[in-house]
Amino acid sequence: MSKRYVQCALVLSSLWIILATLGCGSGGTANLRVLHAAPDEPDVNILIDGNTVNSNLAYSANTGYISVSSGSRHLQVEAINSSTPIVDTTLTLADSTNTTVIVTGTTTISPIVLTDDTTTPTSGTAEIRLVNAAPSMGGADVYVVPTGTSIVGVSPLVSGITFQTASPYQSLTITAGTSANYDVYFTEPGTKLAELATSGISITSGSALTFVSMNNVGGGFTFQVLTDLQ
């Protein structure tokens, strides 16, 4: 076998490896955030492609955005007292996107996978997305009103949002350069009977938020507000 033949073979082999590597991923990055909303589970560990990226995540806590390679990512969520994942799924993350995964459920744990807004809202507005991640709540109508405003005679911002679903982003009018306080109510569908009532949620014009209803470990319901865009 000639030396030239061996050199050509090595070059072709190297090119094949490079092309195969490029085909496995875009080379870009994406942001991933996980919220622990499974009320019967202990603290959890978050693994991406078999590597632990967050440890001992408590109930109602979130990881914040974690920069990961875009493309196909293997997400696992494990209770700290077990090596058996309660969530084991593959996510497809586009380059330069933000994704939130809400881990929720009781008997069956399922992830809610959300694509987060990365586009600044129209001047003089903010955006809020509403998520029902409370296994005990069932469906709910959701009202978002300026703090101190009665919901009597007011139509819900979102109607009949069921467990493990999220609304589209909803626009709120807030003067540019300012913040405003809002009250959020999750009520039984078709009624004003509040299952979850919050007050004084500060929302800044130009921001995007995700409001998540959850079971309260001590009974009733609680919530978390995630900042998608500041």
C-alpha atoms as a PDB file:
ATOM      1  CA  MET A   1       0.000   0.000   0.000  1.00  0.00           C
ATOM      2  CA  SER A   2       1.522   3.345  -1.041  1.00  0.00           C
ATOM      3  CA  LYS A   3       2.176   6.175   1.396  1.00  0.00           C
ATOM      4  CA  ARG A   4      -0.013   8.501  -0.737  1.00  0.00           C
ATOM      5  CA  TYR A   5      -2.923   6.050  -0.508  1.00  0.00           C
ATOM      6  CA  VAL A   6      -2.619   5.905   3.288  1.00  0.00           C
ATOM      7  CA  GLN A   7      -2.545   9.721   3.531  1.00  0.00           C
ATOM      8  CA  CYS A   8      -5.674  10.034   1.344  1.00  0.00           C
ATOM      9  CA  ALA A   9      -7.470   7.440   3.437  1.00  0.00           C
ATOM     10  CA  LEU A  10      -6.623   9.325   6.630  1.00  0.00           C
ATOM     11  CA  VAL A  11      -7.870  12.613   5.175  1.00  0.00           C
ATOM     12  CA  LEU A  12     -11.154  11.068   4.046  1.00  0.00           C
ATOM     13  CA  SER A  13     -11.595   9.422   7.432  1.00  0.00           C
ATOM     14  CA  SER A  14     -11.062  12.755   9.219  1.00  0.00           C
ATOM     15  CA  LEU A  15     -13.574  14.482   6.956  1.00  0.00           C
ATOM     16  CA  TRP A  16     -16.136  11.770   7.671  1.00  0.00           C
ATOM     17  CA  ILE A  17     -15.705  12.239  11.439  1.00  0.00           C
ATOM     18  CA  ILE A  18     -16.111  16.023  11.122  1.00  0.00           C
ATOM     19  CA  LEU A  19     -19.253  15.710   9.002  1.00  0.00           C
ATOM     20  CA  ALA A  20     -20.742  13.134  11.344  1.00  0.00           C
ATOM     21  CA  THR A  21     -20.056  15.395  14.339  1.00  0.00           C
ATOM     22  CA  LEU A  22     -21.690  18.380  12.631  1.00  0.00           C
ATOM     23  CA  GLY A  23     -24.737  16.287  11.867  1.00  0.00           C
ATOM     24  CA  CYS A  24     -25.267  15.464  15.553  1.00  0.00           C
ATOM     25  CA  GLY A  25     -25.940  19.025  16.678  1.00  0.00           C
ATOM     26  CA  SER A  26     -26.209  22.612  15.600  1.00  0.00           C
ATOM     27  CA  GLY A  27     -23.296  23.802  17.719  1.00  0.00           C
ATOM     28  CA  GLY A  28     -25.548  26.507  19.200  1.00  0.00           C
ATOM     29  CA  THR A  29     -26.999  26.928  22.678  1.00  0.00           C
ATOM     30  CA  ALA A  30     -30.416  27.188  24.272  1.00  0.00           C
ATOM     31  CA  ASN A  31     -31.684  27.975  27.769  1.00  0.00           C
ATOM     32  CA  LEU A  32     -33.565  25.413  29.843  1.00  0.00           C
ATOM     33  CA  ARG A  33     -35.353  25.954  33.169  1.00  0.00           C
ATOM     34  CA  VAL A  34     -37.048  23.319  35.356  1.00  0.00           C
ATOM     35  CA  LEU A  35     -39.687  24.003  38.043  1.00  0.00           C
ATOM     36  CA  HIS A  36     -40.382  21.327  40.677  1.00  0.00           C
ATOM     37  CA  ALA A  37     -44.186  21.275  41.075  1.00  0.00           C
ATOM     38  CA  ALA A  38     -44.814  17.618  41.997  1.00  0.00           C
ATOM     39  CA  PRO A  39     -46.186  17.936  45.563  1.00  0.00           C
ATOM     40  CA  ASP A  40     -45.650  14.348  46.714  1.00  0.00           C
ATOM     41  CA  GLU A  41     -42.040  14.123  45.587  1.00  0.00           C
ATOM     42  CA  PRO A  42     -38.977  14.960  47.710  1.00  0.00           C
ATOM     43  CA  ASP A  43     -36.170  17.190  46.487  1.00  0.00           C
ATOM     44  CA  VAL A  44     -34.985  16.209  43.022  1.00  0.00           C
ATOM     45  CA  ASN A  45     -31.853  16.191  40.897  1.00  0.00           C
ATOM     46  CA  ILE A  46     -31.923  17.426  37.300  1.00  0.00           C
ATOM     47  CA  LEU A  47     -29.856  15.598  34.681  1.00  0.00           C
ATOM     48  CA  ILE A  48     -29.152  16.612  31.086  1.00  0.00           C
ATOM     49  CA  ASP A  49     -27.678  13.923  28.858  1.00  0.00           C
ATOM     50  CA  GLY A  50     -26.772  11.927  31.963  1.00  0.00           C
ATOM     51  CA  ASN A  51     -24.978  14.813  33.689  1.00  0.00           C
ATOM     52  CA  THR A  52     -26.358  16.385  36.876  1.00  0.00           C
ATOM     53  CA  VAL A  53     -26.918  20.110  36.284  1.00  0.00           C
ATOM     54  CA  ASN A  54     -28.897  20.891  39.443  1.00  0.00           C
ATOM     55  CA  SER A  55     -29.028  19.055  42.782  1.00  0.00           C
ATOM     56  CA  ASN A  56     -31.543  18.949  45.621  1.00  0.00           C
ATOM     57  CA  LEU A  57     -34.154  21.106  43.917  1.00  0.00           C
ATOM     58  CA  ALA A  58     -36.908  21.654  46.477  1.00  0.00           C
ATOM     59  CA  TYR A  59     -40.636  21.693  45.827  1.00  0.00           C
ATOM     60  CA  SER A  60     -41.776  24.988  44.256  1.00  0.00           C
ATOM     61  CA  ALA A  61     -38.181  25.948  43.420  1.00  0.00           C
ATOM     62  CA  ASN A  62     -36.768  26.305  39.927  1.00  0.00           C
ATOM     63  CA  THR A  63     -33.318  25.955  38.441  1.00  0.00           C
ATOM     64  CA  GLY A  64     -33.240  29.306  36.694  1.00  0.00           C
ATOM     65  CA  TYR A  65     -32.151  29.242  33.088  1.00  0.00           C
ATOM     66  CA  ILE A  66     -29.334  26.788  32.388  1.00  0.00           C
ATOM     67  CA  SER A  67     -27.382  27.152  29.143  1.00  0.00           C
ATOM     68  CA  VAL A  68     -27.281  23.848  27.242  1.00  0.00           C
ATOM     69  CA  SER A  69     -26.386  22.764  23.721  1.00  0.00           C
ATOM     70  CA  SER A  70     -29.290  23.170  21.339  1.00  0.00           C
ATOM     71  CA  GLY A  71     -30.679  20.145  19.527  1.00  0.00           C
ATOM     72  CA  SER A  72     -31.884  16.893  21.087  1.00  0.00           C
ATOM     73  CA  ARG A  73     -31.351  16.830  24.860  1.00  0.00           C
ATOM     74  CA  HIS A  74     -32.147  13.974  27.243  1.00  0.00           C
ATOM     75  CA  LEU A  75     -33.828  15.342  30.389  1.00  0.00           C
ATOM     76  CA  GLN A  76     -34.169  13.232  33.513  1.00  0.00           C
ATOM     77  CA  VAL A  77     -35.545  14.242  36.897  1.00  0.00           C
ATOM     78  CA  GLU A  78     -34.694  11.947  39.817  1.00  0.00           C
ATOM     79  CA  ALA A  79     -35.881  12.054  43.419  1.00  0.00           C
ATOM     80  CA  ILE A  80     -32.839  12.396  45.647  1.00  0.00           C
ATOM     81  CA  ASN A  81     -33.650   9.077  47.329  1.00  0.00           C
ATOM     82  CA  SER A  82     -33.878   7.115  44.073  1.00  0.00           C
ATOM     83  CA  SER A  83     -31.980   6.567  40.840  1.00  0.00           C
ATOM     84  CA  THR A  84     -35.224   5.856  38.951  1.00  0.00           C
ATOM     85  CA  PRO A  85     -36.298   8.981  37.034  1.00  0.00           C
ATOM     86  CA  ILE A  86     -39.746  10.418  37.685  1.00  0.00           C
ATOM     87  CA  VAL A  87     -39.325  12.242  34.358  1.00  0.00           C
ATOM     88  CA  ASP A  88     -37.393  10.734  31.480  1.00  0.00           C
ATOM     89  CA  THR A  89     -37.905  12.546  28.198  1.00  0.00           C
ATOM     90  CA  THR A  90     -36.112  13.957  25.180  1.00  0.00           C
ATOM     91  CA  LEU A  91     -36.442  17.643  24.372  1.00  0.00           C
ATOM     92  CA  THR A  92     -35.737  19.278  21.030  1.00  0.00           C
ATOM     93  CA  LEU A  93     -34.315  22.719  21.766  1.00  0.00           C
ATOM     94  CA  ALA A  94     -33.904  25.169  18.918  1.00  0.00           C
ATOM     95  CA  ASP A  95     -30.888  27.455  18.891  1.00  0.00           C
ATOM     96  CA  SER A  96     -31.210  30.625  21.021  1.00  0.00           C
ATOM     97  CA  THR A  97     -34.568  29.614  22.533  1.00  0.00           C
ATOM     98  CA  ASN A  98     -35.725  29.523  26.157  1.00  0.00           C
ATOM     99  CA  THR A  99     -37.711  26.534  27.419  1.00  0.00           C
ATOM    100  CA  THR A 100     -39.394  25.906  30.773  1.00  0.00           C
ATOM    101  CA  VAL A 101     -40.259  22.411  31.987  1.00  0.00           C
ATOM    102  CA  ILE A 102     -42.733  22.178  34.871  1.00  0.00           C
ATOM    103  CA  VAL A 103     -42.611  18.810  36.630  1.00  0.00           C
ATOM    104  CA  THR A 104     -46.035  18.111  38.125  1.00  0.00           C
ATOM    105  CA  GLY A 105     -48.526  15.415  39.050  1.00  0.00           C
ATOM    106  CA  THR A 106     -49.100  12.968  41.887  1.00  0.00           C
ATOM    107  CA  THR A 107     -49.670   9.345  40.875  1.00  0.00           C
ATOM    108  CA  THR A 108     -48.362  10.081  37.380  1.00  0.00           C
ATOM    109  CA  ILE A 109     -45.606  12.674  37.017  1.00  0.00           C
ATOM    110  CA  SER A 110     -45.589  14.474  33.686  1.00  0.00           C
ATOM    111  CA  PRO A 111     -43.644  17.456  32.371  1.00  0.00           C
ATOM    112  CA  ILE A 112     -45.325  20.554  30.982  1.00  0.00           C
ATOM    113  CA  VAL A 113     -42.944  21.819  28.296  1.00  0.00           C
ATOM    114  CA  LEU A 114     -43.277  25.518  27.460  1.00  0.00           C
ATOM    115  CA  THR A 115     -41.526  27.693  24.900  1.00  0.00           C
ATOM    116  CA  ASP A 116     -40.797  31.002  26.591  1.00  0.00           C
ATOM    117  CA  ASP A 117     -41.158  34.399  24.975  1.00  0.00           C
ATOM    118  CA  THR A 118     -37.882  36.073  24.043  1.00  0.00           C
ATOM    119  CA  THR A 119     -39.415  38.993  22.134  1.00  0.00           C
ATOM    120  CA  THR A 120     -39.877  42.288  23.963  1.00  0.00           C
ATOM    121  CA  PRO A 121     -43.593  43.125  24.276  1.00  0.00           C
ATOM    122  CA  THR A 122     -45.099  46.127  22.528  1.00  0.00           C
ATOM    123  CA  SER A 123     -44.226  49.420  24.253  1.00  0.00           C
ATOM    124  CA  GLY A 124     -46.594  50.142  27.118  1.00  0.00           C
ATOM    125  CA  THR A 125     -47.469  46.492  27.715  1.00  0.00           C
ATOM    126  CA  ALA A 126     -46.317  43.399  29.569  1.00  0.00           C
ATOM    127  CA  GLU A 127     -47.175  39.756  29.008  1.00  0.00           C
ATOM    128  CA  ILE A 128     -48.362  37.099  31.430  1.00  0.00           C
ATOM    129  CA  ARG A 129     -48.820  33.384  30.777  1.00  0.00           C
ATOM    130  CA  LEU A 130     -50.995  31.343  33.139  1.00  0.00           C
ATOM    131  CA  VAL A 131     -50.324  27.688  33.976  1.00  0.00           C
ATOM    132  CA  ASN A 132     -52.441  25.235  35.944  1.00  0.00           C
ATOM    133  CA  ALA A 133     -49.937  22.879  37.567  1.00  0.00           C
ATOM    134  CA  ALA A 134     -52.081  22.087  40.633  1.00  0.00           C
ATOM    135  CA  PRO A 135     -53.234  18.436  40.556  1.00  0.00           C
ATOM    136  CA  SER A 136     -56.040  19.063  43.061  1.00  0.00           C
ATOM    137  CA  MET A 137     -57.490  22.126  41.369  1.00  0.00           C
ATOM    138  CA  GLY A 138     -59.167  20.767  38.264  1.00  0.00           C
ATOM    139  CA  GLY A 139     -60.214  23.418  35.744  1.00  0.00           C
ATOM    140  CA  ALA A 140     -60.168  27.133  36.577  1.00  0.00           C
ATOM    141  CA  ASP A 141     -61.068  30.540  35.234  1.00  0.00           C
ATOM    142  CA  VAL A 142     -58.285  33.068  35.758  1.00  0.00           C
ATOM    143  CA  TYR A 143     -58.670  36.770  36.479  1.00  0.00           C
ATOM    144  CA  VAL A 144     -55.773  39.240  36.424  1.00  0.00           C
ATOM    145  CA  VAL A 145     -56.883  42.663  37.679  1.00  0.00           C
ATOM    146  CA  PRO A 146     -55.198  45.766  39.107  1.00  0.00           C
ATOM    147  CA  THR A 147     -54.672  45.338  42.845  1.00  0.00           C
ATOM    148  CA  GLY A 148     -57.794  46.149  44.823  1.00  0.00           C
ATOM    149  CA  THR A 149     -60.169  45.630  41.878  1.00  0.00           C
ATOM    150  CA  SER A 150     -63.178  43.382  42.442  1.00  0.00           C
ATOM    151  CA  ILE A 151     -63.683  40.587  39.934  1.00  0.00           C
ATOM    152  CA  VAL A 152     -67.454  40.949  40.211  1.00  0.00           C
ATOM    153  CA  GLY A 153     -68.744  41.896  36.779  1.00  0.00           C
ATOM    154  CA  VAL A 154     -65.324  41.230  35.227  1.00  0.00           C
ATOM    155  CA  SER A 155     -64.723  38.584  32.563  1.00  0.00           C
ATOM    156  CA  PRO A 156     -61.880  36.126  33.144  1.00  0.00           C
ATOM    157  CA  LEU A 157     -58.654  36.754  31.272  1.00  0.00           C
ATOM    158  CA  VAL A 158     -58.518  33.007  30.565  1.00  0.00           C
ATOM    159  CA  SER A 159     -61.439  30.580  30.910  1.00  0.00           C
ATOM    160  CA  GLY A 160     -61.420  26.891  31.799  1.00  0.00           C
ATOM    161  CA  ILE A 161     -57.692  26.302  32.035  1.00  0.00           C
ATOM    162  CA  THR A 162     -57.276  22.633  32.932  1.00  0.00           C
ATOM    163  CA  PHE A 163     -54.569  20.828  34.884  1.00  0.00           C
ATOM    164  CA  GLN A 164     -51.234  20.568  33.053  1.00  0.00           C
ATOM    165  CA  THR A 165     -52.129  23.232  30.495  1.00  0.00           C
ATOM    166  CA  ALA A 166     -50.914  26.764  29.892  1.00  0.00           C
ATOM    167  CA  SER A 167     -52.552  29.763  28.307  1.00  0.00           C
ATOM    168  CA  PRO A 168     -50.961  31.774  25.532  1.00  0.00           C
ATOM    169  CA  TYR A 169     -49.245  34.942  26.710  1.00  0.00           C
ATOM    170  CA  GLN A 170     -51.829  37.584  27.598  1.00  0.00           C
ATOM    171  CA  SER A 171     -51.137  41.307  27.166  1.00  0.00           C
ATOM    172  CA  LEU A 172     -51.495  43.769  30.050  1.00  0.00           C
ATOM    173  CA  THR A 173     -51.425  47.539  29.557  1.00  0.00           C
ATOM    174  CA  ILE A 174     -48.725  49.094  31.764  1.00  0.00           C
ATOM    175  CA  THR A 175     -47.217  52.508  31.060  1.00  0.00           C
ATOM    176  CA  ALA A 176     -43.711  52.216  29.605  1.00  0.00           C
ATOM    177  CA  GLY A 177     -40.986  52.616  32.193  1.00  0.00           C
ATOM    178  CA  THR A 178     -43.274  51.813  35.122  1.00  0.00           C
ATOM    179  CA  SER A 179     -44.536  48.857  37.122  1.00  0.00           C
ATOM    180  CA  ALA A 180     -48.029  48.039  38.359  1.00  0.00           C
ATOM    181  CA  ASN A 181     -49.442  45.675  40.958  1.00  0.00           C
ATOM    182  CA  TYR A 182     -51.964  43.012  39.953  1.00  0.00           C
ATOM    183  CA  ASP A 183     -54.122  40.486  41.770  1.00  0.00           C
ATOM    184  CA  VAL A 184     -54.501  37.012  40.272  1.00  0.00           C
ATOM    185  CA  TYR A 185     -57.484  34.761  40.970  1.00  0.00           C
ATOM    186  CA  PHE A 186     -58.008  31.135  39.943  1.00  0.00           C
ATOM    187  CA  THR A 187     -61.743  30.446  40.394  1.00  0.00           C
ATOM    188  CA  GLU A 188     -64.006  27.481  39.883  1.00  0.00           C
ATOM    189  CA  PRO A 189     -65.140  27.613  36.239  1.00  0.00           C
ATOM    190  CA  GLY A 190     -68.154  29.844  35.660  1.00  0.00           C
ATOM    191  CA  THR A 191     -68.085  31.235  39.201  1.00  0.00           C
ATOM    192  CA  LYS A 192     -66.303  33.876  41.265  1.00  0.00           C
ATOM    193  CA  LEU A 193     -65.387  31.315  43.954  1.00  0.00           C
ATOM    194  CA  ALA A 194     -61.626  31.669  44.296  1.00  0.00           C
ATOM    195  CA  GLU A 195     -59.523  28.564  44.791  1.00  0.00           C
ATOM    196  CA  LEU A 196     -56.321  30.629  44.666  1.00  0.00           C
ATOM    197  CA  ALA A 197     -56.168  34.373  45.297  1.00  0.00           C
ATOM    198  CA  THR A 198     -52.996  36.455  45.290  1.00  0.00           C
ATOM    199  CA  SER A 199     -52.431  40.164  45.639  1.00  0.00           C
ATOM    200  CA  GLY A 200     -49.759  42.692  44.837  1.00  0.00           C
ATOM    201  CA  ILE A 201     -47.926  40.870  42.042  1.00  0.00           C
ATOM    202  CA  SER A 202     -45.573  43.532  40.671  1.00  0.00           C
ATOM    203  CA  ILE A 203     -45.339  43.506  36.870  1.00  0.00           C
ATOM    204  CA  THR A 204     -42.994  45.773  34.945  1.00  0.00           C
ATOM    205  CA  SER A 205     -43.821  47.181  31.549  1.00  0.00           C
ATOM    206  CA  GLY A 206     -41.816  45.377  28.860  1.00  0.00           C
ATOM    207  CA  SER A 207     -41.530  42.141  30.844  1.00  0.00           C
ATOM    208  CA  ALA A 208     -42.936  38.663  30.290  1.00  0.00           C
ATOM    209  CA  LEU A 209     -43.959  36.433  33.192  1.00  0.00           C
ATOM    210  CA  THR A 210     -45.324  32.946  33.749  1.00  0.00           C
ATOM    211  CA  PHE A 211     -47.707  32.529  36.700  1.00  0.00           C
ATOM    212  CA  VAL A 212     -47.963  28.912  37.878  1.00  0.00           C
ATOM    213  CA  SER A 213     -50.661  27.611  40.231  1.00  0.00           C
ATOM    214  CA  MET A 214     -49.547  24.658  42.375  1.00  0.00           C
ATOM    215  CA  ASN A 215     -50.723  22.467  45.225  1.00  0.00           C
ATOM    216  CA  ASN A 216     -49.707  23.780  48.623  1.00  0.00           C
ATOM    217  CA  VAL A 217     -48.081  20.947  50.584  1.00  0.00           C
ATOM    218  CA  GLY A 218     -50.010  22.015  53.692  1.00  0.00           C
ATOM    219  CA  GLY A 219     -53.342  22.084  51.856  1.00  0.00           C
ATOM    220  CA  GLY A 220     -54.955  24.497  49.440  1.00  0.00           C
ATOM    221  CA  PHE A 221     -52.972  26.123  46.675  1.00  0.00           C
ATOM    222  CA  THR A 222     -49.916  28.265  46.165  1.00  0.00           C
ATOM    223  CA  PHE A 223     -48.104  29.783  43.183  1.00  0.00           C
ATOM    224  CA  GLN A 224     -44.803  30.692  41.621  1.00  0.00           C
ATOM    225  CA  VAL A 225     -44.027  33.574  39.296  1.00  0.00           C
ATOM    226  CA  LEU A 226     -41.293  32.933  36.732  1.00  0.00           C
ATOM    227  CA  THR A 227     -39.587  35.771  34.907  1.00  0.00           C
ATOM    228  CA  ASP A 228     -39.349  34.895  31.229  1.00  0.00           C
ATOM    229  CA  LEU A 229     -38.177  38.290  29.984  1.00  0.00           C
ATOM    230  CA  GLN A 230     -37.108  41.222  32.128  1.00  0.00           C
END
